[in-house]
Amino acid sequence: MIGIDILEVKRIKKLIENPEYTKRLFFKEEIDYANANRNPAIHFAGFFCVKESVVKALGGGLVTEIMVLHYDNGKPYVNLFGKAKELLGQRKIEISISHTDDYATAICQIVE
């Protein structure tokens, strides 16, 4: 199963101006990671794309049940909670994120 998403960075930039919205949509670890970078909005957009691509691949779940983290080498991965974790079951999930100053995209593949 595969899911993909793309987002204009300027759309997320407006949303993250509201800290309460940011806290509802993103985990503390994601907020800290994005804010530690030169252009936080591209990272928030990438994280949102990951969440949407995972929901699409799973066929359900909520974006608030998906946390994007990074290994020491920079490769992204996800931790799932709630319904998203149930839907994944014993399968594994692989993700990839790309972004420019204007767009972010992510793809998710669920493997047996």
PDB file of N, CA and C in Angstrom:
ATOM      1  N   MET A   1       0.843  -1.175   0.000  1.00  0.00           N
ATOM      2  CA  MET A   1       0.000   0.000   0.000  1.00  0.00           C
ATOM      3  C   MET A   1       0.888   1.237   0.000  1.00  0.00           C
ATOM      4  N   ILE A   2       0.461   2.227  -0.742  1.00  0.00           N
ATOM      5  CA  ILE A   2       1.237   3.454  -0.900  1.00  0.00           C
ATOM      6  C   ILE A   2       0.334   4.654  -0.654  1.00  0.00           C
ATOM      7  N   GLY A   3       0.899   5.683  -0.049  1.00  0.00           N
ATOM      8  CA  GLY A   3       0.216   6.963   0.111  1.00  0.00           C
ATOM      9  C   GLY A   3       1.195   8.068  -0.228  1.00  0.00           C
ATOM     10  N   ILE A   4       0.697   9.147  -0.789  1.00  0.00           N
ATOM     11  CA  ILE A   4       1.550  10.280  -1.156  1.00  0.00           C
ATOM     12  C   ILE A   4       0.782  11.566  -0.881  1.00  0.00           C
ATOM     13  N   ASP A   5       1.515  12.631  -0.570  1.00  0.00           N
ATOM     14  CA  ASP A   5       0.880  13.922  -0.358  1.00  0.00           C
ATOM     15  C   ASP A   5       1.843  15.031  -0.756  1.00  0.00           C
ATOM     16  N   ILE A   6       1.297  16.157  -1.169  1.00  0.00           N
ATOM     17  CA  ILE A   6       2.074  17.349  -1.506  1.00  0.00           C
ATOM     18  C   ILE A   6       1.345  18.555  -0.920  1.00  0.00           C
ATOM     19  N   LEU A   7       2.109  19.545  -0.500  1.00  0.00           N
ATOM     20  CA  LEU A   7       1.522  20.711   0.154  1.00  0.00           C
ATOM     21  C   LEU A   7       2.338  21.953  -0.165  1.00  0.00           C
ATOM     22  N   GLU A   8       1.651  23.051  -0.436  1.00  0.00           N
ATOM     23  CA  GLU A   8       2.325  24.332  -0.584  1.00  0.00           C
ATOM     24  C   GLU A   8       2.744  24.804   0.805  1.00  0.00           C
ATOM     25  N   VAL A   9       4.002  25.143   0.962  1.00  0.00           N
ATOM     26  CA  VAL A   9       4.537  25.552   2.266  1.00  0.00           C
ATOM     27  C   VAL A   9       3.790  26.771   2.803  1.00  0.00           C
ATOM     28  N   LYS A  10       3.398  27.690   1.943  1.00  0.00           N
ATOM     29  CA  LYS A  10       2.726  28.897   2.424  1.00  0.00           C
ATOM     30  C   LYS A  10       1.397  28.584   3.120  1.00  0.00           C
ATOM     31  N   ARG A  11       0.772  27.459   2.771  1.00  0.00           N
ATOM     32  CA  ARG A  11      -0.481  27.078   3.442  1.00  0.00           C
ATOM     33  C   ARG A  11      -0.233  26.693   4.893  1.00  0.00           C
ATOM     34  N   ILE A  12       0.826  25.950   5.152  1.00  0.00           N
ATOM     35  CA  ILE A  12       1.125  25.538   6.524  1.00  0.00           C
ATOM     36  C   ILE A  12       1.721  26.705   7.304  1.00  0.00           C
ATOM     37  N   LYS A  13       2.435  27.583   6.614  1.00  0.00           N
ATOM     38  CA  LYS A  13       3.058  28.745   7.270  1.00  0.00           C
ATOM     39  C   LYS A  13       1.996  29.584   7.982  1.00  0.00           C
ATOM     40  N   LYS A  14       0.853  29.781   7.345  1.00  0.00           N
ATOM     41  CA  LYS A  14      -0.236  30.544   7.964  1.00  0.00           C
ATOM     42  C   LYS A  14      -0.785  29.822   9.192  1.00  0.00           C
ATOM     43  N   LEU A  15      -0.905  28.506   9.107  1.00  0.00           N
ATOM     44  CA  LEU A  15      -1.472  27.729  10.216  1.00  0.00           C
ATOM     45  C   LEU A  15      -0.561  27.704  11.436  1.00  0.00           C
ATOM     46  N   ILE A  16       0.748  27.603  11.212  1.00  0.00           N
ATOM     47  CA  ILE A  16       1.661  27.482  12.361  1.00  0.00           C
ATOM     48  C   ILE A  16       1.920  28.822  13.045  1.00  0.00           C
ATOM     49  N   GLU A  17       1.361  29.892  12.517  1.00  0.00           N
ATOM     50  CA  GLU A  17       1.428  31.172  13.224  1.00  0.00           C
ATOM     51  C   GLU A  17       0.631  31.110  14.518  1.00  0.00           C
ATOM     52  N   ASN A  18      -0.309  30.184  14.595  1.00  0.00           N
ATOM     53  CA  ASN A  18      -1.115  29.988  15.801  1.00  0.00           C
ATOM     54  C   ASN A  18      -0.508  28.837  16.607  1.00  0.00           C
ATOM     55  N   PRO A  19       0.169  29.143  17.732  1.00  0.00           N
ATOM     56  CA  PRO A  19       0.822  28.086  18.524  1.00  0.00           C
ATOM     57  C   PRO A  19      -0.138  27.004  19.023  1.00  0.00           C
ATOM     58  N   GLU A  20      -1.379  27.376  19.299  1.00  0.00           N
ATOM     59  CA  GLU A  20      -2.344  26.377  19.775  1.00  0.00           C
ATOM     60  C   GLU A  20      -2.662  25.365  18.680  1.00  0.00           C
ATOM     61  N   TYR A  21      -2.801  25.821  17.466  1.00  0.00           N
ATOM     62  CA  TYR A  21      -3.047  24.921  16.347  1.00  0.00           C
ATOM     63  C   TYR A  21      -1.838  24.014  16.141  1.00  0.00           C
ATOM     64  N   THR A  22      -0.664  24.597  16.210  1.00  0.00           N
ATOM     65  CA  THR A  22       0.567  23.828  16.028  1.00  0.00           C
ATOM     66  C   THR A  22       0.655  22.711  17.069  1.00  0.00           C
ATOM     67  N   LYS A  23       0.332  23.021  18.315  1.00  0.00           N
ATOM     68  CA  LYS A  23       0.391  22.018  19.398  1.00  0.00           C
ATOM     69  C   LYS A  23      -0.649  20.920  19.222  1.00  0.00           C
ATOM     70  N   ARG A  24      -1.778  21.247  18.592  1.00  0.00           N
ATOM     71  CA  ARG A  24      -2.807  20.225  18.370  1.00  0.00           C
ATOM     72  C   ARG A  24      -2.443  19.283  17.230  1.00  0.00           C
ATOM     73  N   LEU A  25      -1.715  19.778  16.251  1.00  0.00           N
ATOM     74  CA  LEU A  25      -1.414  18.993  15.057  1.00  0.00           C
ATOM     75  C   LEU A  25      -0.070  18.275  15.120  1.00  0.00           C
ATOM     76  N   PHE A  26       0.886  18.853  15.848  1.00  0.00           N
ATOM     77  CA  PHE A  26       2.238  18.302  15.872  1.00  0.00           C
ATOM     78  C   PHE A  26       2.663  17.949  17.297  1.00  0.00           C
ATOM     79  N   PHE A  27       3.471  16.900  17.405  1.00  0.00           N
ATOM     80  CA  PHE A  27       4.043  16.496  18.681  1.00  0.00           C
ATOM     81  C   PHE A  27       5.189  17.431  19.054  1.00  0.00           C
ATOM     82  N   LYS A  28       5.509  17.492  20.325  1.00  0.00           N
ATOM     83  CA  LYS A  28       6.594  18.353  20.814  1.00  0.00           C
ATOM     84  C   LYS A  28       7.900  18.072  20.077  1.00  0.00           C
ATOM     85  N   GLU A  29       8.204  16.808  19.841  1.00  0.00           N
ATOM     86  CA  GLU A  29       9.435  16.439  19.141  1.00  0.00           C
ATOM     87  C   GLU A  29       9.478  17.013  17.724  1.00  0.00           C
ATOM     88  N   GLU A  30       8.333  17.007  17.054  1.00  0.00           N
ATOM     89  CA  GLU A  30       8.254  17.568  15.702  1.00  0.00           C
ATOM     90  C   GLU A  30       8.417  19.088  15.734  1.00  0.00           C
ATOM     91  N   ILE A  31       7.786  19.724  16.691  1.00  0.00           N
ATOM     92  CA  ILE A  31       7.881  21.181  16.837  1.00  0.00           C
ATOM     93  C   ILE A  31       9.322  21.585  17.122  1.00  0.00           C
ATOM     94  N   ASP A  32       9.964  20.876  18.042  1.00  0.00           N
ATOM     95  CA  ASP A  32      11.360  21.178  18.384  1.00  0.00           C
ATOM     96  C   ASP A  32      12.273  21.006  17.173  1.00  0.00           C
ATOM     97  N   TYR A  33      12.088  19.916  16.432  1.00  0.00           N
ATOM     98  CA  TYR A  33      12.916  19.660  15.251  1.00  0.00           C
ATOM     99  C   TYR A  33      12.732  20.768  14.213  1.00  0.00           C
ATOM    100  N   ALA A  34      11.488  21.091  13.896  1.00  0.00           N
ATOM    101  CA  ALA A  34      11.215  22.108  12.875  1.00  0.00           C
ATOM    102  C   ALA A  34      11.772  23.469  13.296  1.00  0.00           C
ATOM    103  N   ASN A  35      11.531  23.845  14.542  1.00  0.00           N
ATOM    104  CA  ASN A  35      11.969  25.154  15.010  1.00  0.00           C
ATOM    105  C   ASN A  35      13.486  25.277  15.145  1.00  0.00           C
ATOM    106  N   ALA A  36      14.184  24.161  15.158  1.00  0.00           N
ATOM    107  CA  ALA A  36      15.646  24.189  15.239  1.00  0.00           C
ATOM    108  C   ALA A  36      16.292  24.421  13.872  1.00  0.00           C
ATOM    109  N   ASN A  37      15.483  24.492  12.838  1.00  0.00           N
ATOM    110  CA  ASN A  37      15.983  24.668  11.474  1.00  0.00           C
ATOM    111  C   ASN A  37      15.736  26.086  10.973  1.00  0.00           C
ATOM    112  N   ARG A  38      16.491  26.453   9.939  1.00  0.00           N
ATOM    113  CA  ARG A  38      16.441  27.794   9.362  1.00  0.00           C
ATOM    114  C   ARG A  38      15.035  28.186   8.902  1.00  0.00           C
ATOM    115  N   ASN A  39      14.323  27.253   8.295  1.00  0.00           N
ATOM    116  CA  ASN A  39      12.988  27.526   7.764  1.00  0.00           C
ATOM    117  C   ASN A  39      12.013  26.486   8.330  1.00  0.00           C
ATOM    118  N   PRO A  40      11.491  26.721   9.535  1.00  0.00           N
ATOM    119  CA  PRO A  40      10.616  25.729  10.173  1.00  0.00           C
ATOM    120  C   PRO A  40       9.417  25.322   9.324  1.00  0.00           C
ATOM    121  N   ALA A  41       8.867  26.240   8.548  1.00  0.00           N
ATOM    122  CA  ALA A  41       7.641  25.949   7.799  1.00  0.00           C
ATOM    123  C   ALA A  41       7.821  24.787   6.820  1.00  0.00           C
ATOM    124  N   ILE A  42       9.004  24.670   6.195  1.00  0.00           N
ATOM    125  CA  ILE A  42       9.179  23.561   5.251  1.00  0.00           C
ATOM    126  C   ILE A  42       9.187  22.219   5.971  1.00  0.00           C
ATOM    127  N   HIS A  43       9.669  22.208   7.198  1.00  0.00           N
ATOM    128  CA  HIS A  43       9.682  20.961   7.967  1.00  0.00           C
ATOM    129  C   HIS A  43       8.276  20.616   8.468  1.00  0.00           C
ATOM    130  N   PHE A  44       7.545  21.633   8.942  1.00  0.00           N
ATOM    131  CA  PHE A  44       6.151  21.382   9.329  1.00  0.00           C
ATOM    132  C   PHE A  44       5.346  20.878   8.138  1.00  0.00           C
ATOM    133  N   ALA A  45       5.562  21.465   6.979  1.00  0.00           N
ATOM    134  CA  ALA A  45       4.848  21.019   5.772  1.00  0.00           C
ATOM    135  C   ALA A  45       5.212  19.577   5.436  1.00  0.00           C
ATOM    136  N   GLY A  46       6.491  19.244   5.538  1.00  0.00           N
ATOM    137  CA  GLY A  46       6.923  17.869   5.288  1.00  0.00           C
ATOM    138  C   GLY A  46       6.305  16.890   6.265  1.00  0.00           C
ATOM    139  N   PHE A  47       6.274  17.263   7.550  1.00  0.00           N
ATOM    140  CA  PHE A  47       5.661  16.391   8.559  1.00  0.00           C
ATOM    141  C   PHE A  47       4.179  16.187   8.268  1.00  0.00           C
ATOM    142  N   PHE A  48       3.491  17.271   7.876  1.00  0.00           N
ATOM    143  CA  PHE A  48       2.074  17.138   7.569  1.00  0.00           C
ATOM    144  C   PHE A  48       1.868  16.215   6.372  1.00  0.00           C
ATOM    145  N   CYS A  49       2.723  16.329   5.373  1.00  0.00           N
ATOM    146  CA  CYS A  49       2.627  15.442   4.203  1.00  0.00           C
ATOM    147  C   CYS A  49       2.842  13.984   4.593  1.00  0.00           C
ATOM    148  N   VAL A  50       3.792  13.739   5.484  1.00  0.00           N
ATOM    149  CA  VAL A  50       3.996  12.366   5.965  1.00  0.00           C
ATOM    150  C   VAL A  50       2.717  11.853   6.607  1.00  0.00           C
ATOM    151  N   LYS A  51       2.159  12.637   7.500  1.00  0.00           N
ATOM    152  CA  LYS A  51       0.954  12.217   8.216  1.00  0.00           C
ATOM    153  C   LYS A  51      -0.181  11.898   7.235  1.00  0.00           C
ATOM    154  N   GLU A  52      -0.381  12.777   6.255  1.00  0.00           N
ATOM    155  CA  GLU A  52      -1.429  12.548   5.254  1.00  0.00           C
ATOM    156  C   GLU A  52      -1.130  11.316   4.399  1.00  0.00           C
ATOM    157  N   SER A  53       0.120  11.117   4.020  1.00  0.00           N
ATOM    158  CA  SER A  53       0.460   9.952   3.190  1.00  0.00           C
ATOM    159  C   SER A  53       0.258   8.655   3.964  1.00  0.00           C
ATOM    160  N   VAL A  54       0.554   8.667   5.252  1.00  0.00           N
ATOM    161  CA  VAL A  54       0.348   7.468   6.080  1.00  0.00           C
ATOM    162  C   VAL A  54      -1.142   7.168   6.203  1.00  0.00           C
ATOM    163  N   VAL A  55      -1.948   8.183   6.467  1.00  0.00           N
ATOM    164  CA  VAL A  55      -3.401   7.984   6.570  1.00  0.00           C
ATOM    165  C   VAL A  55      -3.941   7.412   5.258  1.00  0.00           C
ATOM    166  N   LYS A  56      -3.465   7.922   4.135  1.00  0.00           N
ATOM    167  CA  LYS A  56      -3.916   7.420   2.827  1.00  0.00           C
ATOM    168  C   LYS A  56      -3.504   5.963   2.617  1.00  0.00           C
ATOM    169  N   ALA A  57      -2.275   5.619   2.987  1.00  0.00           N
ATOM    170  CA  ALA A  57      -1.798   4.242   2.805  1.00  0.00           C
ATOM    171  C   ALA A  57      -2.537   3.271   3.720  1.00  0.00           C
ATOM    172  N   LEU A  58      -2.819   3.715   4.939  1.00  0.00           N
ATOM    173  CA  LEU A  58      -3.522   2.843   5.886  1.00  0.00           C
ATOM    174  C   LEU A  58      -5.006   2.737   5.584  1.00  0.00           C
ATOM    175  N   GLY A  59      -5.553   3.739   4.911  1.00  0.00           N
ATOM    176  CA  GLY A  59      -6.985   3.764   4.669  1.00  0.00           C
ATOM    177  C   GLY A  59      -7.765   4.244   5.869  1.00  0.00           C
ATOM    178  N   GLY A  60      -7.098   4.930   6.787  1.00  0.00           N
ATOM    179  CA  GLY A  60      -7.766   5.448   7.980  1.00  0.00           C
ATOM    180  C   GLY A  60      -6.757   5.942   8.989  1.00  0.00           C
ATOM    181  N   GLY A  61      -7.266   6.274  10.160  1.00  0.00           N
ATOM    182  CA  GLY A  61      -6.415   6.852  11.192  1.00  0.00           C
ATOM    183  C   GLY A  61      -6.513   8.363  11.143  1.00  0.00           C
ATOM    184  N   LEU A  62      -5.808   9.008  12.056  1.00  0.00           N
ATOM    185  CA  LEU A  62      -5.827  10.461  12.155  1.00  0.00           C
ATOM    186  C   LEU A  62      -4.404  11.001  12.083  1.00  0.00           C
ATOM    187  N   VAL A  63      -4.241  12.179  11.509  1.00  0.00           N
ATOM    188  CA  VAL A  63      -2.900  12.764  11.428  1.00  0.00           C
ATOM    189  C   VAL A  63      -2.322  13.005  12.819  1.00  0.00           C
ATOM    190  N   THR A  64      -3.183  13.194  13.816  1.00  0.00           N
ATOM    191  CA  THR A  64      -2.705  13.426  15.182  1.00  0.00           C
ATOM    192  C   THR A  64      -2.219  12.138  15.855  1.00  0.00           C
ATOM    193  N   GLU A  65      -2.347  11.006  15.188  1.00  0.00           N
ATOM    194  CA  GLU A  65      -1.867   9.718  15.721  1.00  0.00           C
ATOM    195  C   GLU A  65      -0.527   9.320  15.110  1.00  0.00           C
ATOM    196  N   ILE A  66       0.090  10.232  14.370  1.00  0.00           N
ATOM    197  CA  ILE A  66       1.317   9.926  13.631  1.00  0.00           C
ATOM    198  C   ILE A  66       2.397  10.931  14.008  1.00  0.00           C
ATOM    199  N   MET A  67       3.517  10.437  14.525  1.00  0.00           N
ATOM    200  CA  MET A  67       4.638  11.284  14.899  1.00  0.00           C
ATOM    201  C   MET A  67       5.813  11.002  13.976  1.00  0.00           C
ATOM    202  N   VAL A  68       6.395  12.057  13.420  1.00  0.00           N
ATOM    203  CA  VAL A  68       7.555  11.939  12.542  1.00  0.00           C
ATOM    204  C   VAL A  68       8.817  12.212  13.356  1.00  0.00           C
ATOM    205  N   LEU A  69       9.744  11.279  13.298  1.00  0.00           N
ATOM    206  CA  LEU A  69      11.029  11.398  13.988  1.00  0.00           C
ATOM    207  C   LEU A  69      12.144  11.131  12.987  1.00  0.00           C
ATOM    208  N   HIS A  70      13.376  11.292  13.431  1.00  0.00           N
ATOM    209  CA  HIS A  70      14.531  11.055  12.561  1.00  0.00           C
ATOM    210  C   HIS A  70      15.566  10.211  13.285  1.00  0.00           C
ATOM    211  N   TYR A  71      16.131   9.251  12.555  1.00  0.00           N
ATOM    212  CA  TYR A  71      17.277   8.506  13.074  1.00  0.00           C
ATOM    213  C   TYR A  71      18.481   9.446  13.128  1.00  0.00           C
ATOM    214  N   ASP A  72      19.540   9.015  13.786  1.00  0.00           N
ATOM    215  CA  ASP A  72      20.749   9.833  13.887  1.00  0.00           C
ATOM    216  C   ASP A  72      21.323  10.210  12.522  1.00  0.00           C
ATOM    217  N   ASN A  73      21.112   9.357  11.536  1.00  0.00           N
ATOM    218  CA  ASN A  73      21.630   9.652  10.189  1.00  0.00           C
ATOM    219  C   ASN A  73      20.714  10.579   9.386  1.00  0.00           C
ATOM    220  N   GLY A  74      19.608  11.032   9.987  1.00  0.00           N
ATOM    221  CA  GLY A  74      18.697  11.959   9.336  1.00  0.00           C
ATOM    222  C   GLY A  74      17.508  11.319   8.649  1.00  0.00           C
ATOM    223  N   LYS A  75      17.507   9.987   8.486  1.00  0.00           N
ATOM    224  CA  LYS A  75      16.392   9.300   7.821  1.00  0.00           C
ATOM    225  C   LYS A  75      15.133   9.411   8.681  1.00  0.00           C
ATOM    226  N   PRO A  76      14.020   9.844   8.073  1.00  0.00           N
ATOM    227  CA  PRO A  76      12.782   9.966   8.846  1.00  0.00           C
ATOM    228  C   PRO A  76      12.086   8.620   9.044  1.00  0.00           C
ATOM    229  N   TYR A  77      11.357   8.540  10.139  1.00  0.00           N
ATOM    230  CA  TYR A  77      10.509   7.380  10.417  1.00  0.00           C
ATOM    231  C   TYR A  77       9.307   7.862  11.221  1.00  0.00           C
ATOM    232  N   VAL A  78       8.317   7.003  11.389  1.00  0.00           N
ATOM    233  CA  VAL A  78       7.118   7.390  12.133  1.00  0.00           C
ATOM    234  C   VAL A  78       6.870   6.459  13.309  1.00  0.00           C
ATOM    235  N   ASN A  79       6.277   7.030  14.342  1.00  0.00           N
ATOM    236  CA  ASN A  79       5.687   6.273  15.440  1.00  0.00           C
ATOM    237  C   ASN A  79       4.181   6.479  15.319  1.00  0.00           C
ATOM    238  N   LEU A  80       3.431   5.400  15.429  1.00  0.00           N
ATOM    239  CA  LEU A  80       1.980   5.478  15.309  1.00  0.00           C
ATOM    240  C   LEU A  80       1.321   5.206  16.647  1.00  0.00           C
ATOM    241  N   PHE A  81       0.149   5.802  16.835  1.00  0.00           N
ATOM    242  CA  PHE A  81      -0.625   5.638  18.053  1.00  0.00           C
ATOM    243  C   PHE A  81      -2.080   5.386  17.677  1.00  0.00           C
ATOM    244  N   GLY A  82      -2.859   4.899  18.622  1.00  0.00           N
ATOM    245  CA  GLY A  82      -4.302   4.759  18.445  1.00  0.00           C
ATOM    246  C   GLY A  82      -4.706   3.917  17.253  1.00  0.00           C
ATOM    247  N   LYS A  83      -5.719   4.405  16.532  1.00  0.00           N
ATOM    248  CA  LYS A  83      -6.286   3.686  15.385  1.00  0.00           C
ATOM    249  C   LYS A  83      -5.246   3.445  14.295  1.00  0.00           C
ATOM    250  N   ALA A  84      -4.357   4.421  14.067  1.00  0.00           N
ATOM    251  CA  ALA A  84      -3.321   4.249  13.040  1.00  0.00           C
ATOM    252  C   ALA A  84      -2.435   3.054  13.375  1.00  0.00           C
ATOM    253  N   LYS A  85      -2.063   2.911  14.639  1.00  0.00           N
ATOM    254  CA  LYS A  85      -1.222   1.780  15.052  1.00  0.00           C
ATOM    255  C   LYS A  85      -1.974   0.463  14.865  1.00  0.00           C
ATOM    256  N   GLU A  86      -3.253   0.458  15.204  1.00  0.00           N
ATOM    257  CA  GLU A  86      -4.077  -0.748  15.014  1.00  0.00           C
ATOM    258  C   GLU A  86      -4.141  -1.138  13.539  1.00  0.00           C
ATOM    259  N   LEU A  87      -4.357  -0.168  12.676  1.00  0.00           N
ATOM    260  CA  LEU A  87      -4.463  -0.444  11.242  1.00  0.00           C
ATOM    261  C   LEU A  87      -3.162  -0.971  10.656  1.00  0.00           C
ATOM    262  N   LEU A  88      -2.031  -0.511  11.179  1.00  0.00           N
ATOM    263  CA  LEU A  88      -0.733  -0.976  10.679  1.00  0.00           C
ATOM    264  C   LEU A  88      -0.491  -2.428  11.062  1.00  0.00           C
ATOM    265  N   GLY A  89      -0.899  -2.800  12.275  1.00  0.00           N
ATOM    266  CA  GLY A  89      -0.677  -4.168  12.736  1.00  0.00           C
ATOM    267  C   GLY A  89       0.799  -4.503  12.785  1.00  0.00           C
ATOM    268  N   GLN A  90       1.165  -5.671  12.271  1.00  0.00           N
ATOM    269  CA  GLN A  90       2.553  -6.137  12.301  1.00  0.00           C
ATOM    270  C   GLN A  90       3.360  -5.706  11.080  1.00  0.00           C
ATOM    271  N   ARG A  91       2.730  -4.991  10.183  1.00  0.00           N
ATOM    272  CA  ARG A  91       3.432  -4.559   8.979  1.00  0.00           C
ATOM    273  C   ARG A  91       4.431  -3.448   9.302  1.00  0.00           C
ATOM    274  N   LYS A  92       5.320  -3.195   8.380  1.00  0.00           N
ATOM    275  CA  LYS A  92       6.313  -2.137   8.541  1.00  0.00           C
ATOM    276  C   LYS A  92       5.958  -0.980   7.617  1.00  0.00           C
ATOM    277  N   ILE A  93       6.467   0.182   7.989  1.00  0.00           N
ATOM    278  CA  ILE A  93       6.156   1.381   7.227  1.00  0.00           C
ATOM    279  C   ILE A  93       7.451   2.108   6.871  1.00  0.00           C
ATOM    280  N   GLU A  94       7.548   2.533   5.630  1.00  0.00           N
ATOM    281  CA  GLU A  94       8.703   3.308   5.153  1.00  0.00           C
ATOM    282  C   GLU A  94       8.191   4.639   4.639  1.00  0.00           C
ATOM    283  N   ILE A  95       8.932   5.719   4.938  1.00  0.00           N
ATOM    284  CA  ILE A  95       8.534   7.042   4.465  1.00  0.00           C
ATOM    285  C   ILE A  95       9.726   7.763   3.847  1.00  0.00           C
ATOM    286  N   SER A  96       9.415   8.737   3.036  1.00  0.00           N
ATOM    287  CA  SER A  96      10.426   9.637   2.485  1.00  0.00           C
ATOM    288  C   SER A  96       9.798  11.019   2.363  1.00  0.00           C
ATOM    289  N   ILE A  97      10.584  12.050   2.686  1.00  0.00           N
ATOM    290  CA  ILE A  97      10.120  13.439   2.638  1.00  0.00           C
ATOM    291  C   ILE A  97      11.052  14.233   1.731  1.00  0.00           C
ATOM    292  N   SER A  98      10.479  15.132   0.940  1.00  0.00           N
ATOM    293  CA  SER A  98      11.269  16.086   0.150  1.00  0.00           C
ATOM    294  C   SER A  98      10.600  17.443   0.245  1.00  0.00           C
ATOM    295  N   HIS A  99      11.406  18.489   0.176  1.00  0.00           N
ATOM    296  CA  HIS A  99      10.822  19.827   0.183  1.00  0.00           C
ATOM    297  C   HIS A  99      11.741  20.829  -0.488  1.00  0.00           C
ATOM    298  N   THR A 100      11.085  21.884  -0.966  1.00  0.00           N
ATOM    299  CA  THR A 100      11.772  23.072  -1.453  1.00  0.00           C
ATOM    300  C   THR A 100      11.250  24.216  -0.584  1.00  0.00           C
ATOM    301  N   ASP A 101      11.605  25.439  -0.913  1.00  0.00           N
ATOM    302  CA  ASP A 101      11.058  26.566  -0.158  1.00  0.00           C
ATOM    303  C   ASP A 101       9.558  26.718  -0.380  1.00  0.00           C
ATOM    304  N   ASP A 102       9.044  26.190  -1.489  1.00  0.00           N
ATOM    305  CA  ASP A 102       7.637  26.390  -1.838  1.00  0.00           C
ATOM    306  C   ASP A 102       6.734  25.179  -1.642  1.00  0.00           C
ATOM    307  N   TYR A 103       7.281  23.973  -1.757  1.00  0.00           N
ATOM    308  CA  TYR A 103       6.469  22.756  -1.678  1.00  0.00           C
ATOM    309  C   TYR A 103       7.141  21.697  -0.812  1.00  0.00           C
ATOM    310  N   ALA A 104       6.298  20.896  -0.180  1.00  0.00           N
ATOM    311  CA  ALA A 104       6.773  19.713   0.534  1.00  0.00           C
ATOM    312  C   ALA A 104       5.971  18.521   0.022  1.00  0.00           C
ATOM    313  N   THR A 105       6.608  17.366   0.004  1.00  0.00           N
ATOM    314  CA  THR A 105       5.932  16.147  -0.414  1.00  0.00           C
ATOM    315  C   THR A 105       6.458  14.991   0.427  1.00  0.00           C
ATOM    316  N   ALA A 106       5.644  13.965   0.562  1.00  0.00           N
ATOM    317  CA  ALA A 106       6.059  12.760   1.285  1.00  0.00           C
ATOM    318  C   ALA A 106       5.356  11.563   0.681  1.00  0.00           C
ATOM    319  N   ILE A 107       6.018  10.451   0.776  1.00  0.00           N
ATOM    320  CA  ILE A 107       5.459   9.184   0.316  1.00  0.00           C
ATOM    321  C   ILE A 107       5.616   8.166   1.427  1.00  0.00           C
ATOM    322  N   CYS A 108       4.643   7.287   1.508  1.00  0.00           N
ATOM    323  CA  CYS A 108       4.641   6.230   2.514  1.00  0.00           C
ATOM    324  C   CYS A 108       4.358   4.902   1.809  1.00  0.00           C
ATOM    325  N   GLN A 109       5.119   3.892   2.192  1.00  0.00           N
ATOM    326  CA  GLN A 109       4.860   2.548   1.691  1.00  0.00           C
ATOM    327  C   GLN A 109       4.751   1.621   2.892  1.00  0.00           C
ATOM    328  N   ILE A 110       3.690   0.839   2.893  1.00  0.00           N
ATOM    329  CA  ILE A 110       3.483  -0.161   3.938  1.00  0.00           C
ATOM    330  C   ILE A 110       3.864  -1.504   3.350  1.00  0.00           C
ATOM    331  N   VAL A 111       4.748  -2.212   4.049  1.00  0.00           N
ATOM    332  CA  VAL A 111       5.250  -3.492   3.555  1.00  0.00           C
ATOM    333  C   VAL A 111       4.895  -4.592   4.548  1.00  0.00           C
ATOM    334  N   GLU A 112       4.647  -5.769   4.006  1.00  0.00           N
ATOM    335  CA  GLU A 112       4.311  -6.926   4.842  1.00  0.00           C
ATOM    336  C   GLU A 112       5.503  -7.402   5.616  1.00  0.00           C
TER     337      GLU A 112
END
